[in-house]
Amino acid sequence: MRKHYTEAQRVALLELVTTGTPLRAAARQLQVGKSTAYRWLKRARPTTPPARGGAAARPTPRRPTFARLIRAPADRTAMTLRVGGAVIEVHAGFDAGLLRALIAALEAPAP
């Protein structure tokens, strides 16, 4: 019988791995199969497009395959985003382009 996992388990596993916990230990802690944990991690990481004409492929960022959505009360005018270790509070009327650039900068590897 196929086992079904919750969104909370996926998010918890990715948070553990991104904070330094080895993937196998995080999977064991959350009672998730090792192959399932590797698949979740692969889906959440950037992918590399196929090379053309023998040229080296460049990694391109990829949006995560899932996101955790939390319903907020109707009177809330702000939302909180967590990107890696950063917490960003976004208020009504925000600049979407600036937010995208900020998230891309936070996801970019350190030089």
N, C-alpha and C. Protein backbone atom coordinates (compact mmCIF):
# COMPACT_ATOMS: atom_id res chain seq x y z
N MET A 1 0.84 -1.18 0.00
CA MET A 1 0.00 0.00 0.00
C MET A 1 0.89 1.25 0.00
N ARG A 2 0.53 2.19 -0.79
CA ARG A 2 1.30 3.43 -0.92
C ARG A 2 1.05 4.33 0.30
N LYS A 3 2.13 4.89 0.83
CA LYS A 3 2.02 5.77 1.99
C LYS A 3 1.84 7.21 1.52
N HIS A 4 0.96 7.93 2.16
CA HIS A 4 0.71 9.33 1.82
C HIS A 4 1.29 10.22 2.90
N TYR A 5 2.01 11.26 2.46
CA TYR A 5 2.64 12.20 3.38
C TYR A 5 1.92 13.54 3.32
N THR A 6 2.06 14.30 4.39
CA THR A 6 1.41 15.60 4.46
C THR A 6 2.35 16.69 3.97
N GLU A 7 1.77 17.82 3.63
CA GLU A 7 2.56 19.00 3.24
C GLU A 7 3.48 19.41 4.39
N ALA A 8 2.99 19.28 5.61
CA ALA A 8 3.79 19.65 6.79
C ALA A 8 5.05 18.79 6.87
N GLN A 9 4.95 17.49 6.52
CA GLN A 9 6.12 16.63 6.54
C GLN A 9 7.13 17.08 5.47
N ARG A 10 6.65 17.44 4.29
CA ARG A 10 7.56 17.91 3.23
C ARG A 10 8.29 19.17 3.66
N VAL A 11 7.53 20.12 4.18
CA VAL A 11 8.12 21.39 4.61
C VAL A 11 9.11 21.16 5.74
N ALA A 12 8.75 20.34 6.71
CA ALA A 12 9.63 20.06 7.84
C ALA A 12 10.93 19.41 7.37
N LEU A 13 10.83 18.48 6.44
CA LEU A 13 12.04 17.82 5.93
C LEU A 13 12.96 18.82 5.24
N LEU A 14 12.39 19.66 4.37
CA LEU A 14 13.21 20.65 3.66
C LEU A 14 13.83 21.65 4.63
N GLU A 15 13.08 22.06 5.66
CA GLU A 15 13.64 22.99 6.64
C GLU A 15 14.78 22.35 7.41
N LEU A 16 14.64 21.09 7.80
CA LEU A 16 15.72 20.39 8.51
C LEU A 16 16.97 20.30 7.64
N VAL A 17 16.78 19.91 6.38
CA VAL A 17 17.93 19.74 5.48
C VAL A 17 18.61 21.08 5.20
N THR A 18 17.83 22.14 5.00
CA THR A 18 18.44 23.44 4.69
C THR A 18 19.10 24.06 5.92
N THR A 19 18.78 23.58 7.11
CA THR A 19 19.45 24.10 8.31
C THR A 19 20.62 23.23 8.73
N GLY A 20 20.97 22.23 7.92
CA GLY A 20 22.20 21.48 8.18
C GLY A 20 22.02 20.03 8.61
N THR A 21 20.82 19.58 8.84
CA THR A 21 20.60 18.18 9.23
C THR A 21 20.81 17.30 8.00
N PRO A 22 21.60 16.21 8.13
CA PRO A 22 21.76 15.30 7.00
C PRO A 22 20.41 14.75 6.55
N LEU A 23 20.26 14.55 5.24
CA LEU A 23 18.99 14.12 4.68
C LEU A 23 18.51 12.82 5.29
N ARG A 24 19.40 11.86 5.44
CA ARG A 24 18.99 10.56 6.00
C ARG A 24 18.49 10.70 7.43
N ALA A 25 19.15 11.54 8.21
CA ALA A 25 18.73 11.75 9.60
C ALA A 25 17.38 12.45 9.65
N ALA A 26 17.17 13.44 8.77
CA ALA A 26 15.89 14.15 8.73
C ALA A 26 14.78 13.20 8.31
N ALA A 27 15.04 12.35 7.33
CA ALA A 27 14.03 11.39 6.87
C ALA A 27 13.68 10.41 7.99
N ARG A 28 14.68 9.93 8.69
CA ARG A 28 14.46 9.00 9.79
C ARG A 28 13.64 9.67 10.90
N GLN A 29 14.00 10.92 11.22
CA GLN A 29 13.31 11.67 12.28
C GLN A 29 11.84 11.87 11.95
N LEU A 30 11.51 12.14 10.68
CA LEU A 30 10.14 12.41 10.27
C LEU A 30 9.41 11.16 9.77
N GLN A 31 10.08 10.00 9.85
CA GLN A 31 9.52 8.72 9.41
C GLN A 31 9.10 8.76 7.95
N VAL A 32 10.01 9.30 7.13
CA VAL A 32 9.80 9.39 5.68
C VAL A 32 10.82 8.48 5.03
N GLY A 33 10.41 7.78 3.99
CA GLY A 33 11.34 6.92 3.28
C GLY A 33 12.50 7.72 2.69
N LYS A 34 13.67 7.08 2.66
CA LYS A 34 14.87 7.75 2.15
C LYS A 34 14.70 8.19 0.70
N SER A 35 14.16 7.32 -0.14
CA SER A 35 14.00 7.68 -1.56
C SER A 35 12.98 8.81 -1.72
N THR A 36 11.95 8.80 -0.89
CA THR A 36 10.95 9.88 -0.94
C THR A 36 11.60 11.20 -0.55
N ALA A 37 12.42 11.18 0.49
CA ALA A 37 13.10 12.40 0.95
C ALA A 37 14.02 12.94 -0.14
N TYR A 38 14.76 12.06 -0.81
CA TYR A 38 15.63 12.52 -1.89
C TYR A 38 14.81 13.12 -3.03
N ARG A 39 13.65 12.54 -3.34
CA ARG A 39 12.79 13.07 -4.41
C ARG A 39 12.26 14.45 -4.05
N TRP A 40 11.83 14.65 -2.81
CA TRP A 40 11.35 15.96 -2.38
C TRP A 40 12.45 17.00 -2.49
N LEU A 41 13.65 16.62 -2.06
CA LEU A 41 14.78 17.55 -2.11
C LEU A 41 15.12 17.89 -3.57
N LYS A 42 15.09 16.90 -4.43
CA LYS A 42 15.39 17.13 -5.86
C LYS A 42 14.37 18.08 -6.48
N ARG A 43 13.10 17.91 -6.14
CA ARG A 43 12.05 18.77 -6.69
C ARG A 43 12.18 20.21 -6.20
N ALA A 44 12.71 20.40 -5.02
CA ALA A 44 12.82 21.74 -4.45
C ALA A 44 14.09 22.47 -4.88
N ARG A 45 15.06 21.76 -5.43
CA ARG A 45 16.33 22.38 -5.85
C ARG A 45 16.27 22.83 -7.29
N PRO A 46 17.16 23.78 -7.65
CA PRO A 46 17.23 24.22 -9.05
C PRO A 46 17.63 23.07 -9.97
N THR A 47 17.20 23.16 -11.22
CA THR A 47 17.54 22.13 -12.20
C THR A 47 18.51 22.68 -13.24
N THR A 48 19.12 21.80 -13.96
CA THR A 48 20.04 22.17 -15.03
C THR A 48 19.40 21.79 -16.36
N PRO A 49 19.23 22.75 -17.29
CA PRO A 49 18.63 22.41 -18.58
C PRO A 49 19.59 21.57 -19.42
N PRO A 50 19.09 20.83 -20.39
CA PRO A 50 19.97 20.02 -21.23
C PRO A 50 20.93 20.90 -22.03
N ALA A 51 22.15 20.40 -22.23
CA ALA A 51 23.17 21.14 -22.98
C ALA A 51 22.83 21.11 -24.47
N ARG A 52 23.17 22.19 -25.17
CA ARG A 52 22.95 22.27 -26.62
C ARG A 52 24.29 22.24 -27.33
N GLY A 53 24.39 21.40 -28.32
CA GLY A 53 25.58 21.36 -29.14
C GLY A 53 26.86 21.11 -28.37
N GLY A 54 26.79 20.35 -27.30
CA GLY A 54 27.98 20.03 -26.52
C GLY A 54 28.40 21.13 -25.55
N ALA A 55 27.70 22.25 -25.54
CA ALA A 55 28.05 23.33 -24.61
C ALA A 55 27.67 22.93 -23.20
N ALA A 56 28.42 23.45 -22.24
CA ALA A 56 28.13 23.16 -20.84
C ALA A 56 26.79 23.78 -20.45
N ALA A 57 26.01 23.03 -19.72
CA ALA A 57 24.71 23.53 -19.27
C ALA A 57 24.90 24.45 -18.07
N ARG A 58 24.10 25.49 -18.01
CA ARG A 58 24.15 26.41 -16.88
C ARG A 58 22.95 26.15 -15.97
N PRO A 59 23.18 26.11 -14.65
CA PRO A 59 22.05 25.91 -13.76
C PRO A 59 21.10 27.11 -13.83
N THR A 60 19.82 26.83 -13.87
CA THR A 60 18.83 27.89 -13.85
C THR A 60 17.94 27.69 -12.64
N PRO A 61 17.60 28.77 -11.97
CA PRO A 61 16.74 28.59 -10.80
C PRO A 61 15.37 28.07 -11.19
N ARG A 62 14.80 27.26 -10.35
CA ARG A 62 13.49 26.70 -10.60
C ARG A 62 12.63 26.96 -9.38
N ARG A 63 11.40 27.31 -9.61
CA ARG A 63 10.49 27.54 -8.50
C ARG A 63 10.21 26.21 -7.81
N PRO A 64 10.03 26.23 -6.49
CA PRO A 64 9.69 24.98 -5.80
C PRO A 64 8.41 24.39 -6.37
N THR A 65 8.30 23.08 -6.28
CA THR A 65 7.12 22.42 -6.83
C THR A 65 5.92 22.52 -5.90
N PHE A 66 6.12 22.97 -4.68
CA PHE A 66 5.01 23.17 -3.78
C PHE A 66 5.32 24.33 -2.85
N ALA A 67 4.31 24.91 -2.30
CA ALA A 67 4.47 26.00 -1.34
C ALA A 67 3.44 25.82 -0.24
N ARG A 68 3.81 26.18 0.95
CA ARG A 68 2.88 26.07 2.06
C ARG A 68 2.07 27.36 2.12
N LEU A 69 0.76 27.24 2.00
CA LEU A 69 -0.14 28.39 2.08
C LEU A 69 -0.87 28.35 3.40
N ILE A 70 -0.92 29.49 4.05
CA ILE A 70 -1.57 29.59 5.35
C ILE A 70 -2.66 30.64 5.23
N ARG A 71 -3.87 30.29 5.57
CA ARG A 71 -4.97 31.26 5.53
C ARG A 71 -4.80 32.25 6.66
N ALA A 72 -4.96 33.51 6.32
CA ALA A 72 -4.85 34.58 7.31
C ALA A 72 -6.24 35.17 7.54
N PRO A 73 -6.46 35.75 8.71
CA PRO A 73 -7.74 36.42 8.95
C PRO A 73 -7.96 37.53 7.91
N ALA A 74 -9.22 37.81 7.61
CA ALA A 74 -9.56 38.80 6.59
C ALA A 74 -9.05 40.19 6.93
N ASP A 75 -8.89 40.50 8.20
CA ASP A 75 -8.45 41.84 8.59
C ASP A 75 -6.93 42.01 8.53
N ARG A 76 -6.18 40.95 8.18
CA ARG A 76 -4.72 41.06 8.06
C ARG A 76 -4.37 41.77 6.77
N THR A 77 -3.46 42.71 6.83
CA THR A 77 -3.03 43.43 5.64
C THR A 77 -1.59 43.09 5.28
N ALA A 78 -1.02 42.10 5.92
CA ALA A 78 0.37 41.73 5.65
C ALA A 78 0.48 40.21 5.63
N MET A 79 1.54 39.71 4.97
CA MET A 79 1.84 38.29 5.01
C MET A 79 3.32 38.13 5.28
N THR A 80 3.69 37.02 5.86
CA THR A 80 5.07 36.74 6.21
C THR A 80 5.58 35.62 5.31
N LEU A 81 6.73 35.83 4.69
CA LEU A 81 7.36 34.84 3.82
C LEU A 81 8.65 34.39 4.48
N ARG A 82 8.95 33.10 4.37
CA ARG A 82 10.22 32.57 4.85
C ARG A 82 10.98 32.04 3.66
N VAL A 83 12.18 32.59 3.43
CA VAL A 83 13.05 32.15 2.33
C VAL A 83 14.38 31.80 2.97
N GLY A 84 14.68 30.49 3.00
CA GLY A 84 15.88 30.07 3.70
C GLY A 84 15.76 30.46 5.16
N GLY A 85 16.72 31.21 5.69
CA GLY A 85 16.68 31.66 7.06
C GLY A 85 16.09 33.05 7.22
N ALA A 86 15.72 33.70 6.12
CA ALA A 86 15.20 35.07 6.18
C ALA A 86 13.68 35.07 6.32
N VAL A 87 13.18 36.04 7.07
CA VAL A 87 11.74 36.22 7.23
C VAL A 87 11.40 37.60 6.69
N ILE A 88 10.46 37.65 5.73
CA ILE A 88 10.09 38.90 5.08
C ILE A 88 8.61 39.15 5.32
N GLU A 89 8.28 40.33 5.82
CA GLU A 89 6.87 40.70 6.00
C GLU A 89 6.47 41.61 4.85
N VAL A 90 5.42 41.22 4.13
CA VAL A 90 4.95 41.94 2.95
C VAL A 90 3.59 42.56 3.26
N HIS A 91 3.48 43.86 3.03
CA HIS A 91 2.24 44.58 3.29
C HIS A 91 1.50 44.86 1.98
N ALA A 92 0.23 45.20 2.08
CA ALA A 92 -0.58 45.52 0.91
C ALA A 92 0.09 46.63 0.11
N GLY A 93 0.05 46.52 -1.22
CA GLY A 93 0.63 47.54 -2.08
C GLY A 93 2.13 47.35 -2.32
N PHE A 94 2.67 46.16 -2.00
CA PHE A 94 4.11 45.92 -2.18
C PHE A 94 4.47 45.90 -3.66
N ASP A 95 5.77 46.08 -3.94
CA ASP A 95 6.29 46.05 -5.30
C ASP A 95 6.67 44.59 -5.61
N ALA A 96 5.89 43.92 -6.46
CA ALA A 96 6.10 42.51 -6.75
C ALA A 96 7.47 42.26 -7.40
N GLY A 97 7.90 43.16 -8.27
CA GLY A 97 9.21 43.01 -8.92
C GLY A 97 10.34 43.05 -7.91
N LEU A 98 10.25 43.97 -6.96
CA LEU A 98 11.26 44.08 -5.92
C LEU A 98 11.27 42.82 -5.05
N LEU A 99 10.10 42.29 -4.73
CA LEU A 99 10.01 41.07 -3.93
C LEU A 99 10.65 39.90 -4.66
N ARG A 100 10.37 39.77 -5.98
CA ARG A 100 11.00 38.70 -6.77
C ARG A 100 12.51 38.83 -6.77
N ALA A 101 13.01 40.05 -6.94
CA ALA A 101 14.47 40.26 -6.95
C ALA A 101 15.07 39.93 -5.59
N LEU A 102 14.39 40.27 -4.51
CA LEU A 102 14.88 39.96 -3.17
C LEU A 102 14.94 38.47 -2.93
N ILE A 103 13.89 37.76 -3.33
CA ILE A 103 13.86 36.30 -3.15
C ILE A 103 14.95 35.65 -3.99
N ALA A 104 15.14 36.12 -5.22
CA ALA A 104 16.20 35.56 -6.08
C ALA A 104 17.57 35.79 -5.45
N ALA A 105 17.78 36.96 -4.85
CA ALA A 105 19.06 37.26 -4.21
C ALA A 105 19.28 36.37 -2.99
N LEU A 106 18.22 36.08 -2.24
CA LEU A 106 18.33 35.23 -1.06
C LEU A 106 18.58 33.77 -1.45
N GLU A 107 18.07 33.35 -2.61
CA GLU A 107 18.25 31.97 -3.06
C GLU A 107 19.57 31.76 -3.78
N ALA A 108 20.19 32.83 -4.25
CA ALA A 108 21.44 32.73 -5.01
C ALA A 108 22.55 32.22 -4.11
N PRO A 109 23.43 31.37 -4.65
CA PRO A 109 24.56 30.88 -3.85
C PRO A 109 25.51 32.03 -3.49
N ALA A 110 26.10 31.93 -2.32
CA ALA A 110 27.05 32.95 -1.87
C ALA A 110 28.29 32.92 -2.76
N PRO A 111 28.86 34.11 -3.09
CA PRO A 111 30.05 34.13 -3.95
C PRO A 111 31.26 33.56 -3.28
